[in-house]
């Protein structure tokens, strides 16, 4: 099932055409997705507009050279980053594309997320993890090859499961140690060696909440560029055990009635919220 969640390509179809780096590079003016941490720099008063890349606002110094990642509305789209502590001129502001602040629309949030994921890969792929040699780009894609040993390297995208567990009209929610009090979400975690996705669901629920699940079924997935995950969503039914948080990664866990769900740290853009909104009622869980 394909869903038009933020950060998935479907959100920007018709406006954005991805291109491999270095293909058709020229000096044609276009747009700039300029990032500061997990925020996109936009003009004050017109928050849904990308910056033109013909000139940078006075006083802004980029940490990275602009990198062309594709075409936006038929014109080149380049991405770059500035320091998180840089002071912006009064006519510009930084709008978050992660979290509960959703002043930035979903389309530009998706562009910013892709820019962040690409810049993360570029920053982490300067040297070969096998021999330490310099990496050079493989033509036609984002992969890189070591000058010294010849090893090929490709963008690291990490698969994670996320699962809504139901027991009648109750949903299992957990609070990670890093989240503020009162904020809960679904069980989630990274795929481990040798696991199927369904086995990962079982293990993560057992580790984080102490219970067993059955009837595991896939529902949808979301690119989550913080920094480079693929969230793979599931539903599951309670099969036994007492809810006990692990006390380290998860500090609270419990059953919440479907009509009284708490706030979610991922905000409305997350697949966690989408799963709860779509399948959080008994009628929508089958």
Protein backbone atom coordinates (compact mmCIF):
# COMPACT_ATOMS: atom_id res chain seq x y z
CA UNK A 1 0.00 0.00 0.00
CA UNK A 2 1.43 3.39 -1.04
CA UNK A 3 0.50 6.38 1.11
CA UNK A 4 1.04 10.09 0.52
CA UNK A 5 2.80 10.73 3.79
CA UNK A 6 5.35 13.52 4.12
CA UNK A 7 8.90 12.48 3.13
CA UNK A 8 7.59 9.87 0.67
CA UNK A 9 8.19 10.64 -3.01
CA UNK A 10 4.44 10.59 -3.74
CA UNK A 11 4.14 13.87 -1.80
CA UNK A 12 6.24 15.76 -4.39
CA UNK A 13 5.29 14.00 -7.62
CA UNK A 14 4.63 16.51 -10.39
CA UNK A 15 6.84 19.18 -8.81
CA UNK A 16 10.17 17.44 -8.29
CA UNK A 17 12.24 15.38 -10.73
CA UNK A 18 15.21 13.65 -9.07
CA UNK A 19 18.47 13.60 -11.01
CA UNK A 20 21.75 11.83 -10.27
CA UNK A 21 24.48 14.19 -9.03
CA UNK A 22 26.65 15.57 -11.79
CA UNK A 23 24.19 14.75 -14.58
CA UNK A 24 23.47 17.76 -16.76
CA UNK A 25 25.10 20.17 -14.29
CA UNK A 26 25.08 23.78 -15.45
CA UNK A 27 24.84 27.29 -14.04
CA UNK A 28 21.12 27.73 -14.77
CA UNK A 29 19.49 29.65 -11.89
CA UNK A 30 17.03 27.66 -9.85
CA UNK A 31 16.08 27.10 -6.23
CA UNK A 32 17.96 26.44 -3.00
CA UNK A 33 16.82 24.20 -0.15
CA UNK A 34 18.94 25.69 2.62
CA UNK A 35 18.91 23.72 5.88
CA UNK A 36 19.73 24.71 9.43
CA UNK A 37 19.56 21.62 11.62
CA UNK A 38 16.12 20.08 11.05
CA UNK A 39 14.70 23.37 9.69
CA UNK A 40 14.34 24.89 6.23
CA UNK A 41 15.26 28.54 5.66
CA UNK A 42 12.38 30.46 4.07
CA UNK A 43 11.52 34.15 3.56
CA UNK A 44 9.44 35.68 6.37
CA UNK A 45 5.89 36.25 5.15
CA UNK A 46 6.12 33.72 2.32
CA UNK A 47 6.91 30.54 4.25
CA UNK A 48 5.97 28.16 1.45
CA UNK A 49 8.60 29.41 -1.00
CA UNK A 50 12.07 28.00 -1.62
CA UNK A 51 14.93 30.46 -1.80
CA UNK A 52 16.27 31.41 -5.23
CA UNK A 53 19.83 30.17 -5.60
CA UNK A 54 21.14 33.13 -7.59
CA UNK A 55 22.45 34.80 -4.45
CA UNK A 56 22.48 34.01 -0.75
CA UNK A 57 20.99 36.35 1.82
CA UNK A 58 23.62 38.72 3.19
CA UNK A 59 25.20 37.34 6.33
CA UNK A 60 24.51 33.65 5.62
CA UNK A 61 27.56 31.45 5.13
CA UNK A 62 27.07 27.89 3.87
CA UNK A 63 28.84 24.94 5.47
CA UNK A 64 28.54 22.95 2.25
CA UNK A 65 28.74 23.83 -1.42
CA UNK A 66 25.31 23.74 -3.10
CA UNK A 67 24.62 20.30 -4.56
CA UNK A 68 22.13 19.84 -7.39
CA UNK A 69 19.71 17.00 -6.56
CA UNK A 70 17.08 17.42 -9.29
CA UNK A 71 14.58 19.82 -10.82
CA UNK A 72 11.93 21.76 -8.93
CA UNK A 73 9.14 23.05 -11.17
CA UNK A 74 11.49 22.43 -14.10
CA UNK A 75 14.43 24.40 -12.70
CA UNK A 76 17.53 23.15 -10.85
CA UNK A 77 17.11 22.47 -7.13
CA UNK A 78 20.29 22.67 -5.08
CA UNK A 79 20.73 21.87 -1.41
CA UNK A 80 23.14 23.18 1.22
CA UNK A 81 23.48 23.56 4.98
CA UNK A 82 24.37 26.38 7.37
CA UNK A 83 25.56 26.14 10.98
CA UNK A 84 22.88 25.47 13.60
CA UNK A 85 24.01 28.52 15.59
CA UNK A 86 24.13 30.90 12.61
CA UNK A 87 22.07 34.08 13.04
CA UNK A 88 19.60 34.69 10.23
CA UNK A 89 18.85 38.13 8.73
CA UNK A 90 15.51 39.51 9.92
CA UNK A 91 13.81 38.79 6.61
CA UNK A 92 14.40 35.02 6.88
CA UNK A 93 13.31 32.34 9.33
CA UNK A 94 14.00 28.67 9.98
CA UNK A 95 10.87 26.48 9.96
CA UNK A 96 11.15 22.92 11.35
CA UNK A 97 10.38 20.01 9.08
CA UNK A 98 10.49 17.53 11.98
CA UNK A 99 8.32 17.46 15.09
CA UNK A 100 5.01 19.02 16.09
CA UNK A 101 5.57 22.47 14.50
CA UNK A 102 3.86 22.13 11.10
CA UNK A 103 3.95 25.70 9.81
CA UNK A 104 6.00 24.41 6.87
CA UNK A 105 3.72 22.67 4.40
CA UNK A 106 4.14 18.96 3.70
CA UNK A 107 5.57 19.45 0.21
CA UNK A 108 8.46 21.65 1.34
CA UNK A 109 8.93 19.48 4.43
CA UNK A 110 9.41 16.53 2.07
CA UNK A 111 11.95 18.43 -0.04
CA UNK A 112 13.80 19.46 3.13
CA UNK A 113 13.77 15.88 4.38
CA UNK A 114 15.25 14.60 1.14
CA UNK A 115 17.88 17.35 1.21
CA UNK A 116 18.81 16.39 4.79
CA UNK A 117 19.10 12.72 3.92
CA UNK A 118 21.32 13.43 0.91
CA UNK A 119 23.58 15.82 2.83
CA UNK A 120 23.87 13.24 5.63
CA UNK A 121 25.04 10.65 3.09
CA UNK A 122 27.47 13.09 1.50
CA UNK A 123 28.97 13.93 4.91
CA UNK A 124 29.29 10.25 5.89
CA UNK A 125 30.70 8.98 2.59
CA UNK A 126 33.97 10.86 2.20
CA UNK A 127 36.17 7.88 3.11
CA UNK A 128 36.05 4.13 2.60
CA UNK A 129 34.98 2.18 5.70
CA UNK A 130 37.14 -0.75 4.54
CA UNK A 131 40.53 0.88 3.97
CA UNK A 132 40.11 4.60 4.71
CA UNK A 133 40.75 5.66 1.11
CA UNK A 134 39.03 8.55 -0.64
CA UNK A 135 35.64 7.84 -2.22
CA UNK A 136 34.66 9.14 -5.67
CA UNK A 137 31.19 9.20 -7.14
CA UNK A 138 29.99 6.34 -9.34
CA UNK A 139 28.46 7.95 -12.46
CA UNK A 140 24.67 7.81 -12.69
CA UNK A 141 23.79 7.52 -9.02
CA UNK A 142 24.55 8.38 -5.41
CA UNK A 143 26.93 5.46 -4.91
CA UNK A 144 30.68 5.98 -4.42
CA UNK A 145 33.80 3.90 -5.13
CA UNK A 146 37.07 3.76 -3.21
CA UNK A 147 40.09 4.99 -5.16
CA UNK A 148 42.36 2.65 -3.21
CA UNK A 149 40.61 -0.72 -2.81
CA UNK A 150 37.76 -0.42 -5.31
CA UNK A 151 34.98 -1.13 -2.78
CA UNK A 152 31.59 0.28 -3.73
CA UNK A 153 29.46 2.15 -1.19
CA UNK A 154 25.80 3.11 -1.47
CA UNK A 155 23.47 5.29 0.65
CA UNK A 156 22.82 3.72 4.03
CA UNK A 157 19.06 3.44 4.57
CA UNK A 158 18.14 1.68 7.79
CA UNK A 159 14.94 -0.43 7.96
CA UNK A 160 12.84 -0.03 11.12
CA UNK A 161 9.56 -1.61 12.07
CA UNK A 162 6.79 0.32 13.79
CA UNK A 163 3.73 -1.51 15.08
CA UNK A 164 0.30 -0.81 16.54
CA UNK A 165 -0.58 -3.59 18.99
CA UNK A 166 -4.25 -3.98 19.86
CA UNK A 167 -6.05 -5.72 22.71
CA UNK A 168 -9.73 -5.19 22.04
CA UNK A 169 -10.34 -1.42 22.20
CA UNK A 170 -6.96 -0.78 23.84
CA UNK A 171 -3.71 0.14 22.09
CA UNK A 172 -0.20 -0.51 23.37
CA UNK A 173 1.83 2.70 23.59
CA UNK A 174 5.31 3.32 24.99
CA UNK A 175 7.29 6.36 26.15
CA UNK A 176 10.95 6.43 25.16
CA UNK A 177 13.37 7.76 27.77
CA UNK A 178 14.22 10.67 25.45
CA UNK A 179 10.61 11.89 25.18
CA UNK A 180 8.90 14.37 27.46
CA UNK A 181 6.42 13.16 30.07
CA UNK A 182 2.97 12.55 28.60
CA UNK A 183 4.15 11.77 25.06
CA UNK A 184 3.68 8.21 23.84
CA UNK A 185 4.02 6.40 20.55
CA UNK A 186 4.05 2.95 19.00
CA UNK A 187 6.70 0.32 19.54
CA UNK A 188 9.45 0.72 16.94
CA UNK A 189 12.99 -0.50 16.36
CA UNK A 190 15.74 -1.38 13.91
CA UNK A 191 15.91 -4.65 12.02
CA UNK A 192 18.59 -6.98 13.41
CA UNK A 193 20.83 -9.57 11.74
CA UNK A 194 18.95 -12.58 10.39
CA UNK A 195 15.47 -11.24 11.13
CA UNK A 196 12.41 -11.10 8.96
CA UNK A 197 10.32 -7.97 9.46
CA UNK A 198 7.70 -10.00 11.33
CA UNK A 199 10.35 -11.45 13.64
CA UNK A 200 11.59 -7.92 14.30
CA UNK A 201 8.06 -6.90 15.31
CA UNK A 202 7.86 -9.79 17.78
CA UNK A 203 11.29 -9.09 19.28
CA UNK A 204 10.84 -5.33 19.63
CA UNK A 205 7.44 -5.68 21.34
CA UNK A 206 8.86 -8.33 23.66
CA UNK A 207 11.95 -6.25 24.50
CA UNK A 208 10.23 -2.90 24.93
CA UNK A 209 6.95 -3.96 26.54
CA UNK A 210 7.34 -7.57 27.70
CA UNK A 211 4.37 -9.06 25.83
CA UNK A 212 3.79 -11.43 22.89
CA UNK A 213 1.90 -10.61 19.69
CA UNK A 214 0.25 -12.53 16.86
CA UNK A 215 -1.55 -11.87 13.54
CA UNK A 216 1.16 -9.48 12.32
CA UNK A 217 0.25 -7.70 9.07
CA UNK A 218 1.90 -4.98 7.02
CA UNK A 219 0.06 -1.69 6.42
CA UNK A 220 2.39 0.94 4.88
CA UNK A 221 5.86 2.51 4.97
CA UNK A 222 7.42 5.95 5.23
CA UNK A 223 10.80 7.44 4.45
CA UNK A 224 11.99 8.99 7.73
CA UNK A 225 15.07 11.13 6.99
CA UNK A 226 16.20 11.65 10.61
CA UNK A 227 18.79 10.86 9.52
CA UNK A 228 18.07 7.94 7.17
CA UNK A 229 15.41 5.41 8.19
CA UNK A 230 12.70 3.51 6.36
CA UNK A 231 9.76 3.04 8.73
CA UNK A 232 7.81 -0.13 7.92
CA UNK A 233 4.39 -0.14 9.55
CA UNK A 234 2.50 -3.13 10.96
CA UNK A 235 -0.57 -4.05 12.97
CA UNK A 236 -0.53 -6.89 15.50
CA UNK A 237 -2.81 -8.45 18.09
CA UNK A 238 -2.00 -9.07 21.74
CA UNK A 239 -1.18 -12.73 22.42
CA UNK A 240 -0.20 -12.80 26.08
CA UNK A 241 1.97 -11.51 28.88
CA UNK A 242 2.04 -8.53 31.23
CA UNK A 243 3.17 -5.12 29.99
CA UNK A 244 6.52 -4.30 31.60
CA UNK A 245 8.76 -1.58 30.09
CA UNK A 246 12.44 -2.43 29.81
CA UNK A 247 13.28 0.52 32.08
CA UNK A 248 16.21 1.65 29.94
CA UNK A 249 15.08 2.64 26.45
CA UNK A 250 11.39 2.56 27.40
CA UNK A 251 10.42 4.15 30.72
CA UNK A 252 6.62 3.80 30.44
CA UNK A 253 4.38 1.38 28.58
CA UNK A 254 0.71 0.58 28.87
CA UNK A 255 -2.69 0.10 27.30
CA UNK A 256 -4.59 3.22 26.20
CA UNK A 257 -8.24 3.19 25.16
CA UNK A 258 -8.71 4.07 21.49
CA UNK A 259 -10.86 7.08 22.45
CA UNK A 260 -8.27 8.57 24.83
CA UNK A 261 -4.89 8.54 23.11
CA UNK A 262 -2.06 10.80 24.36
CA UNK A 263 0.14 13.17 22.35
CA UNK A 264 2.67 11.67 19.93
CA UNK A 265 6.28 12.98 19.68
CA UNK A 266 6.42 12.44 15.92
CA UNK A 267 3.63 14.91 15.21
CA UNK A 268 1.10 14.69 12.41
CA UNK A 269 3.77 13.97 9.77
CA UNK A 270 4.81 10.61 11.21
CA UNK A 271 3.62 7.18 10.16
CA UNK A 272 3.03 6.54 13.87
CA UNK A 273 0.29 9.16 13.93
CA UNK A 274 -1.06 7.96 10.56
CA UNK A 275 -1.34 4.38 11.80
CA UNK A 276 -3.11 5.47 14.99
CA UNK A 277 -5.50 7.72 13.07
CA UNK A 278 -6.19 5.10 10.39
CA UNK A 279 -6.28 1.90 12.44
CA UNK A 280 -6.72 3.19 15.97
CA UNK A 281 -10.45 2.45 16.03
CA UNK A 282 -11.71 -1.09 16.33
CA UNK A 283 -13.68 -0.81 13.06
CA UNK A 284 -10.52 0.11 11.14
CA UNK A 285 -8.21 -2.54 12.57
CA UNK A 286 -9.12 -5.54 10.51
